[in-house]
């Protein structure tokens, strides 16, 4: 088993609605994912989400995606 580090910040606009939800949308367990579509680290996380997290936890967890464009990416 590999550890998964989740970082939470109260100042990131947690009240913003998700752009999409994957997994079980009615689950009381929610993982909120802030992502920039031009970010290489976000792309690596996407691969892990598709290959490991959704197959294992998709029926038990709601994965909420929210836009978090980084200033360094002009097209984000």
PDB file of N, CA and C in Angstrom:
ATOM      1  N   UNK A   1       0.840  -1.174   0.000  1.00  0.00           N
ATOM      2  CA  UNK A   1       0.000   0.000   0.000  1.00  0.00           C
ATOM      3  C   UNK A   1       0.887   1.239   0.000  1.00  0.00           C
ATOM      4  N   UNK A   2       0.522   2.217  -0.818  1.00  0.00           N
ATOM      5  CA  UNK A   2       1.274   3.462  -0.894  1.00  0.00           C
ATOM      6  C   UNK A   2       0.500   4.554  -0.179  1.00  0.00           C
ATOM      7  N   UNK A   3       1.179   5.381   0.611  1.00  0.00           N
ATOM      8  CA  UNK A   3       0.482   6.463   1.309  1.00  0.00           C
ATOM      9  C   UNK A   3       0.027   7.523   0.315  1.00  0.00           C
ATOM     10  N   UNK A   4      -1.056   8.164   0.639  1.00  0.00           N
ATOM     11  CA  UNK A   4      -1.592   9.241  -0.183  1.00  0.00           C
ATOM     12  C   UNK A   4      -1.658  10.489   0.673  1.00  0.00           C
ATOM     13  N   UNK A   5      -1.023  11.530   0.215  1.00  0.00           N
ATOM     14  CA  UNK A   5      -1.011  12.787   0.954  1.00  0.00           C
ATOM     15  C   UNK A   5      -2.115  13.682   0.428  1.00  0.00           C
ATOM     16  N   UNK A   6      -2.987  14.120   1.314  1.00  0.00           N
ATOM     17  CA  UNK A   6      -4.051  15.047   0.954  1.00  0.00           C
ATOM     18  C   UNK A   6      -3.782  16.363   1.654  1.00  0.00           C
ATOM     19  N   UNK A   7      -3.802  17.428   0.905  1.00  0.00           N
ATOM     20  CA  UNK A   7      -3.573  18.744   1.482  1.00  0.00           C
ATOM     21  C   UNK A   7      -4.880  19.523   1.470  1.00  0.00           C
ATOM     22  N   UNK A   8      -5.196  20.137   2.586  1.00  0.00           N
ATOM     23  CA  UNK A   8      -6.435  20.883   2.716  1.00  0.00           C
ATOM     24  C   UNK A   8      -6.099  22.309   3.110  1.00  0.00           C
ATOM     25  N   UNK A   9      -6.751  23.249   2.454  1.00  0.00           N
ATOM     26  CA  UNK A   9      -6.550  24.654   2.789  1.00  0.00           C
ATOM     27  C   UNK A   9      -7.899  25.344   2.863  1.00  0.00           C
ATOM     28  N   UNK A  10      -8.147  26.042   3.967  1.00  0.00           N
ATOM     29  CA  UNK A  10      -9.421  26.729   4.155  1.00  0.00           C
ATOM     30  C   UNK A  10      -9.556  27.928   3.234  1.00  0.00           C
ATOM     31  N   UNK A  11      -8.475  28.434   2.716  1.00  0.00           N
ATOM     32  CA  UNK A  11      -8.537  29.634   1.889  1.00  0.00           C
ATOM     33  C   UNK A  11      -8.678  29.377   0.408  1.00  0.00           C
ATOM     34  N   UNK A  12      -9.046  28.192  -0.005  1.00  0.00           N
ATOM     35  CA  UNK A  12      -9.089  27.865  -1.421  1.00  0.00           C
ATOM     36  C   UNK A  12     -10.486  27.926  -2.015  1.00  0.00           C
ATOM     37  N   UNK A  13     -11.416  28.561  -1.385  1.00  0.00           N
ATOM     38  CA  UNK A  13     -12.750  28.672  -1.962  1.00  0.00           C
ATOM     39  C   UNK A  13     -13.523  27.375  -1.901  1.00  0.00           C
ATOM     40  N   UNK A  14     -13.581  26.762  -0.747  1.00  0.00           N
ATOM     41  CA  UNK A  14     -14.249  25.469  -0.616  1.00  0.00           C
ATOM     42  C   UNK A  14     -15.733  25.533  -0.936  1.00  0.00           C
ATOM     43  N   UNK A  15     -16.325  26.719  -0.916  1.00  0.00           N
ATOM     44  CA  UNK A  15     -17.753  26.838  -1.179  1.00  0.00           C
ATOM     45  C   UNK A  15     -18.074  26.800  -2.669  1.00  0.00           C
ATOM     46  N   UNK A  16     -17.064  26.908  -3.526  1.00  0.00           N
ATOM     47  CA  UNK A  16     -17.304  26.882  -4.970  1.00  0.00           C
ATOM     48  C   UNK A  16     -17.882  25.531  -5.372  1.00  0.00           C
ATOM     49  N   UNK A  17     -18.854  25.533  -6.274  1.00  0.00           N
ATOM     50  CA  UNK A  17     -19.446  24.259  -6.693  1.00  0.00           C
ATOM     51  C   UNK A  17     -18.461  23.449  -7.539  1.00  0.00           C
ATOM     52  N   UNK A  18     -18.564  22.139  -7.487  1.00  0.00           N
ATOM     53  CA  UNK A  18     -17.677  21.307  -8.307  1.00  0.00           C
ATOM     54  C   UNK A  18     -18.016  21.448  -9.785  1.00  0.00           C
ATOM     55  N   UNK A  19     -17.005  21.319 -10.641  1.00  0.00           N
ATOM     56  CA  UNK A  19     -17.253  21.337 -12.078  1.00  0.00           C
ATOM     57  C   UNK A  19     -17.758  19.979 -12.552  1.00  0.00           C
ATOM     58  N   UNK A  20     -17.378  18.916 -11.846  1.00  0.00           N
ATOM     59  CA  UNK A  20     -17.908  17.569 -12.130  1.00  0.00           C
ATOM     60  C   UNK A  20     -17.621  16.669 -10.933  1.00  0.00           C
ATOM     61  N   UNK A  21     -18.369  15.585 -10.848  1.00  0.00           N
ATOM     62  CA  UNK A  21     -18.200  14.612  -9.764  1.00  0.00           C
ATOM     63  C   UNK A  21     -18.029  13.242 -10.399  1.00  0.00           C
ATOM     64  N   UNK A  22     -17.013  12.509  -9.956  1.00  0.00           N
ATOM     65  CA  UNK A  22     -16.798  11.131 -10.394  1.00  0.00           C
ATOM     66  C   UNK A  22     -16.971  10.220  -9.195  1.00  0.00           C
ATOM     67  N   UNK A  23     -17.210   8.961  -9.451  1.00  0.00           N
ATOM     68  CA  UNK A  23     -17.425   8.024  -8.357  1.00  0.00           C
ATOM     69  C   UNK A  23     -18.884   8.026  -7.955  1.00  0.00           C
ATOM     70  N   UNK A  24     -19.145   7.927  -6.662  1.00  0.00           N
ATOM     71  CA  UNK A  24     -20.506   7.851  -6.132  1.00  0.00           C
ATOM     72  C   UNK A  24     -20.948   9.237  -5.648  1.00  0.00           C
ATOM     73  N   UNK A  25     -21.760   9.956  -6.435  1.00  0.00           N
ATOM     74  CA  UNK A  25     -22.145  11.318  -6.049  1.00  0.00           C
ATOM     75  C   UNK A  25     -22.987  11.389  -4.784  1.00  0.00           C
ATOM     76  N   UNK A  26     -23.596  10.294  -4.371  1.00  0.00           N
ATOM     77  CA  UNK A  26     -24.414  10.310  -3.154  1.00  0.00           C
ATOM     78  C   UNK A  26     -23.633   9.881  -1.910  1.00  0.00           C
ATOM     79  N   UNK A  27     -22.345   9.620  -2.059  1.00  0.00           N
ATOM     80  CA  UNK A  27     -21.522   9.201  -0.923  1.00  0.00           C
ATOM     81  C   UNK A  27     -21.323  10.349   0.066  1.00  0.00           C
ATOM     82  N   UNK A  28     -21.347  10.043   1.370  1.00  0.00           N
ATOM     83  CA  UNK A  28     -21.044  11.079   2.358  1.00  0.00           C
ATOM     84  C   UNK A  28     -19.542  11.403   2.413  1.00  0.00           C
ATOM     85  N   UNK A  29     -18.725  10.557   1.802  1.00  0.00           N
ATOM     86  CA  UNK A  29     -17.276  10.777   1.765  1.00  0.00           C
ATOM     87  C   UNK A  29     -16.938  11.509   0.474  1.00  0.00           C
ATOM     88  N   UNK A  30     -16.295  12.659   0.600  1.00  0.00           N
ATOM     89  CA  UNK A  30     -15.963  13.483  -0.551  1.00  0.00           C
ATOM     90  C   UNK A  30     -14.470  13.790  -0.571  1.00  0.00           C
ATOM     91  N   UNK A  31     -13.880  13.656  -1.734  1.00  0.00           N
ATOM     92  CA  UNK A  31     -12.509  14.098  -1.962  1.00  0.00           C
ATOM     93  C   UNK A  31     -12.610  15.258  -2.947  1.00  0.00           C
ATOM     94  N   UNK A  32     -12.191  16.436  -2.516  1.00  0.00           N
ATOM     95  CA  UNK A  32     -12.256  17.620  -3.366  1.00  0.00           C
ATOM     96  C   UNK A  32     -10.902  17.789  -4.046  1.00  0.00           C
ATOM     97  N   UNK A  33     -10.932  17.847  -5.370  1.00  0.00           N
ATOM     98  CA  UNK A  33      -9.714  17.920  -6.170  1.00  0.00           C
ATOM     99  C   UNK A  33      -9.677  19.270  -6.877  1.00  0.00           C
ATOM    100  N   UNK A  34      -8.691  20.085  -6.532  1.00  0.00           N
ATOM    101  CA  UNK A  34      -8.466  21.350  -7.222  1.00  0.00           C
ATOM    102  C   UNK A  34      -7.432  21.090  -8.300  1.00  0.00           C
ATOM    103  N   UNK A  35      -7.747  21.502  -9.532  1.00  0.00           N
ATOM    104  CA  UNK A  35      -6.834  21.180 -10.617  1.00  0.00           C
ATOM    105  C   UNK A  35      -6.743  22.285 -11.655  1.00  0.00           C
ATOM    106  N   UNK A  36      -5.587  22.330 -12.283  1.00  0.00           N
ATOM    107  CA  UNK A  36      -5.296  23.222 -13.397  1.00  0.00           C
ATOM    108  C   UNK A  36      -5.018  22.293 -14.575  1.00  0.00           C
ATOM    109  N   UNK A  37      -5.753  22.435 -15.649  1.00  0.00           N
ATOM    110  CA  UNK A  37      -5.648  21.491 -16.756  1.00  0.00           C
ATOM    111  C   UNK A  37      -4.327  21.583 -17.524  1.00  0.00           C
ATOM    112  N   UNK A  38      -3.516  22.602 -17.260  1.00  0.00           N
ATOM    113  CA  UNK A  38      -2.192  22.698 -17.879  1.00  0.00           C
ATOM    114  C   UNK A  38      -1.083  22.226 -16.945  1.00  0.00           C
ATOM    115  N   UNK A  39      -1.412  21.801 -15.761  1.00  0.00           N
ATOM    116  CA  UNK A  39      -0.435  21.435 -14.736  1.00  0.00           C
ATOM    117  C   UNK A  39       0.021  19.980 -14.924  1.00  0.00           C
ATOM    118  N   UNK A  40       1.330  19.774 -15.018  1.00  0.00           N
ATOM    119  CA  UNK A  40       1.845  18.411 -15.210  1.00  0.00           C
ATOM    120  C   UNK A  40       1.625  17.543 -13.970  1.00  0.00           C
ATOM    121  N   UNK A  41       1.692  18.128 -12.780  1.00  0.00           N
ATOM    122  CA  UNK A  41       1.420  17.358 -11.563  1.00  0.00           C
ATOM    123  C   UNK A  41      -0.051  16.952 -11.495  1.00  0.00           C
ATOM    124  N   UNK A  42      -0.933  17.827 -11.956  1.00  0.00           N
ATOM    125  CA  UNK A  42      -2.362  17.490 -12.002  1.00  0.00           C
ATOM    126  C   UNK A  42      -2.598  16.339 -12.983  1.00  0.00           C
ATOM    127  N   UNK A  43      -1.863  16.338 -14.088  1.00  0.00           N
ATOM    128  CA  UNK A  43      -1.982  15.253 -15.063  1.00  0.00           C
ATOM    129  C   UNK A  43      -1.513  13.933 -14.460  1.00  0.00           C
ATOM    130  N   UNK A  44      -0.442  13.967 -13.674  1.00  0.00           N
ATOM    131  CA  UNK A  44       0.047  12.755 -13.010  1.00  0.00           C
ATOM    132  C   UNK A  44      -0.976  12.259 -11.991  1.00  0.00           C
ATOM    133  N   UNK A  45      -1.600  13.193 -11.261  1.00  0.00           N
ATOM    134  CA  UNK A  45      -2.641  12.798 -10.308  1.00  0.00           C
ATOM    135  C   UNK A  45      -3.828  12.196 -11.049  1.00  0.00           C
ATOM    136  N   UNK A  46      -4.185  12.756 -12.208  1.00  0.00           N
ATOM    137  CA  UNK A  46      -5.302  12.242 -13.004  1.00  0.00           C
ATOM    138  C   UNK A  46      -5.059  10.783 -13.372  1.00  0.00           C
ATOM    139  N   UNK A  47      -3.826  10.485 -13.755  1.00  0.00           N
ATOM    140  CA  UNK A  47      -3.469   9.104 -14.111  1.00  0.00           C
ATOM    141  C   UNK A  47      -3.653   8.181 -12.909  1.00  0.00           C
ATOM    142  N   UNK A  48      -3.193   8.619 -11.728  1.00  0.00           N
ATOM    143  CA  UNK A  48      -3.354   7.812 -10.519  1.00  0.00           C
ATOM    144  C   UNK A  48      -4.835   7.651 -10.170  1.00  0.00           C
ATOM    145  N   UNK A  49      -5.613   8.715 -10.347  1.00  0.00           N
ATOM    146  CA  UNK A  49      -7.046   8.654 -10.072  1.00  0.00           C
ATOM    147  C   UNK A  49      -7.708   7.606 -10.959  1.00  0.00           C
ATOM    148  N   UNK A  50      -7.400   7.639 -12.258  1.00  0.00           N
ATOM    149  CA  UNK A  50      -7.992   6.689 -13.204  1.00  0.00           C
ATOM    150  C   UNK A  50      -7.547   5.249 -12.961  1.00  0.00           C
ATOM    151  N   UNK A  51      -6.268   5.063 -12.662  1.00  0.00           N
ATOM    152  CA  UNK A  51      -5.716   3.710 -12.557  1.00  0.00           C
ATOM    153  C   UNK A  51      -5.887   3.068 -11.184  1.00  0.00           C
ATOM    154  N   UNK A  52      -5.897   3.877 -10.129  1.00  0.00           N
ATOM    155  CA  UNK A  52      -5.897   3.293  -8.784  1.00  0.00           C
ATOM    156  C   UNK A  52      -7.081   3.689  -7.917  1.00  0.00           C
ATOM    157  N   UNK A  53      -7.382   4.976  -7.846  1.00  0.00           N
ATOM    158  CA  UNK A  53      -8.396   5.429  -6.889  1.00  0.00           C
ATOM    159  C   UNK A  53      -9.824   5.134  -7.337  1.00  0.00           C
ATOM    160  N   UNK A  54     -10.168   5.476  -8.585  1.00  0.00           N
ATOM    161  CA  UNK A  54     -11.543   5.221  -9.038  1.00  0.00           C
ATOM    162  C   UNK A  54     -11.892   3.729  -9.056  1.00  0.00           C
ATOM    163  N   UNK A  55     -11.005   2.859  -9.573  1.00  0.00           N
ATOM    164  CA  UNK A  55     -11.357   1.437  -9.533  1.00  0.00           C
ATOM    165  C   UNK A  55     -11.553   0.903  -8.112  1.00  0.00           C
ATOM    166  N   UNK A  56     -10.774   1.403  -7.173  1.00  0.00           N
ATOM    167  CA  UNK A  56     -10.838   0.878  -5.808  1.00  0.00           C
ATOM    168  C   UNK A  56     -11.917   1.549  -4.957  1.00  0.00           C
ATOM    169  N   UNK A  57     -12.082   2.858  -5.107  1.00  0.00           N
ATOM    170  CA  UNK A  57     -12.986   3.600  -4.219  1.00  0.00           C
ATOM    171  C   UNK A  57     -14.155   4.266  -4.938  1.00  0.00           C
ATOM    172  N   UNK A  58     -14.262   4.111  -6.242  1.00  0.00           N
ATOM    173  CA  UNK A  58     -15.289   4.805  -7.012  1.00  0.00           C
ATOM    174  C   UNK A  58     -16.714   4.546  -6.558  1.00  0.00           C
ATOM    175  N   UNK A  59     -16.995   3.381  -6.016  1.00  0.00           N
ATOM    176  CA  UNK A  59     -18.355   3.088  -5.557  1.00  0.00           C
ATOM    177  C   UNK A  59     -18.619   3.615  -4.149  1.00  0.00           C
ATOM    178  N   UNK A  60     -17.560   4.056  -3.450  1.00  0.00           N
ATOM    179  CA  UNK A  60     -17.700   4.473  -2.053  1.00  0.00           C
ATOM    180  C   UNK A  60     -17.452   5.961  -1.821  1.00  0.00           C
ATOM    181  N   UNK A  61     -16.811   6.621  -2.778  1.00  0.00           N
ATOM    182  CA  UNK A  61     -16.354   7.997  -2.575  1.00  0.00           C
ATOM    183  C   UNK A  61     -16.799   8.877  -3.738  1.00  0.00           C
ATOM    184  N   UNK A  62     -17.137  10.134  -3.434  1.00  0.00           N
ATOM    185  CA  UNK A  62     -17.403  11.136  -4.467  1.00  0.00           C
ATOM    186  C   UNK A  62     -16.127  11.951  -4.661  1.00  0.00           C
ATOM    187  N   UNK A  63     -15.611  11.971  -5.867  1.00  0.00           N
ATOM    188  CA  UNK A  63     -14.437  12.770  -6.201  1.00  0.00           C
ATOM    189  C   UNK A  63     -14.927  14.026  -6.909  1.00  0.00           C
ATOM    190  N   UNK A  64     -14.872  15.156  -6.215  1.00  0.00           N
ATOM    191  CA  UNK A  64     -15.368  16.427  -6.750  1.00  0.00           C
ATOM    192  C   UNK A  64     -14.209  17.203  -7.366  1.00  0.00           C
ATOM    193  N   UNK A  65     -14.374  17.582  -8.616  1.00  0.00           N
ATOM    194  CA  UNK A  65     -13.348  18.353  -9.321  1.00  0.00           C
ATOM    195  C   UNK A  65     -13.727  19.824  -9.308  1.00  0.00           C
ATOM    196  N   UNK A  66     -12.732  20.668  -9.030  1.00  0.00           N
ATOM    197  CA  UNK A  66     -12.930  22.115  -9.049  1.00  0.00           C
ATOM    198  C   UNK A  66     -11.764  22.760  -9.793  1.00  0.00           C
ATOM    199  N   UNK A  67     -12.086  23.766 -10.574  1.00  0.00           N
ATOM    200  CA  UNK A  67     -11.049  24.482 -11.313  1.00  0.00           C
ATOM    201  C   UNK A  67     -10.204  25.317 -10.362  1.00  0.00           C
ATOM    202  N   UNK A  68      -8.898  25.247 -10.548  1.00  0.00           N
ATOM    203  CA  UNK A  68      -7.962  26.068  -9.785  1.00  0.00           C
ATOM    204  C   UNK A  68      -6.837  26.477 -10.730  1.00  0.00           C
ATOM    205  N   UNK A  69      -7.148  27.402 -11.667  1.00  0.00           N
ATOM    206  CA  UNK A  69      -6.133  27.793 -12.648  1.00  0.00           C
ATOM    207  C   UNK A  69      -4.961  28.511 -11.994  1.00  0.00           C
ATOM    208  N   UNK A  70      -3.773  28.110 -12.378  1.00  0.00           N
ATOM    209  CA  UNK A  70      -2.555  28.735 -11.866  1.00  0.00           C
ATOM    210  C   UNK A  70      -2.176  29.911 -12.765  1.00  0.00           C
ATOM    211  N   UNK A  71      -1.718  30.989 -12.162  1.00  0.00           N
ATOM    212  CA  UNK A  71      -1.384  32.203 -12.912  1.00  0.00           C
ATOM    213  C   UNK A  71      -0.294  31.960 -13.958  1.00  0.00           C
ATOM    214  N   UNK A  72       0.586  31.006 -13.718  1.00  0.00           N
ATOM    215  CA  UNK A  72       1.683  30.752 -14.663  1.00  0.00           C
ATOM    216  C   UNK A  72       1.226  30.058 -15.944  1.00  0.00           C
ATOM    217  N   UNK A  73      -0.011  29.593 -15.982  1.00  0.00           N
ATOM    218  CA  UNK A  73      -0.551  28.939 -17.172  1.00  0.00           C
ATOM    219  C   UNK A  73      -1.562  29.864 -17.840  1.00  0.00           C
ATOM    220  N   UNK A  74      -1.167  30.452 -18.944  1.00  0.00           N
ATOM    221  CA  UNK A  74      -2.010  31.464 -19.589  1.00  0.00           C
ATOM    222  C   UNK A  74      -3.317  30.907 -20.145  1.00  0.00           C
ATOM    223  N   UNK A  75      -3.383  29.610 -20.433  1.00  0.00           N
ATOM    224  CA  UNK A  75      -4.602  29.024 -21.003  1.00  0.00           C
ATOM    225  C   UNK A  75      -5.437  28.291 -19.964  1.00  0.00           C
ATOM    226  N   UNK A  76      -5.052  28.350 -18.724  1.00  0.00           N
ATOM    227  CA  UNK A  76      -5.779  27.631 -17.668  1.00  0.00           C
ATOM    228  C   UNK A  76      -7.065  28.347 -17.308  1.00  0.00           C
TER     229      UNK A  76
END
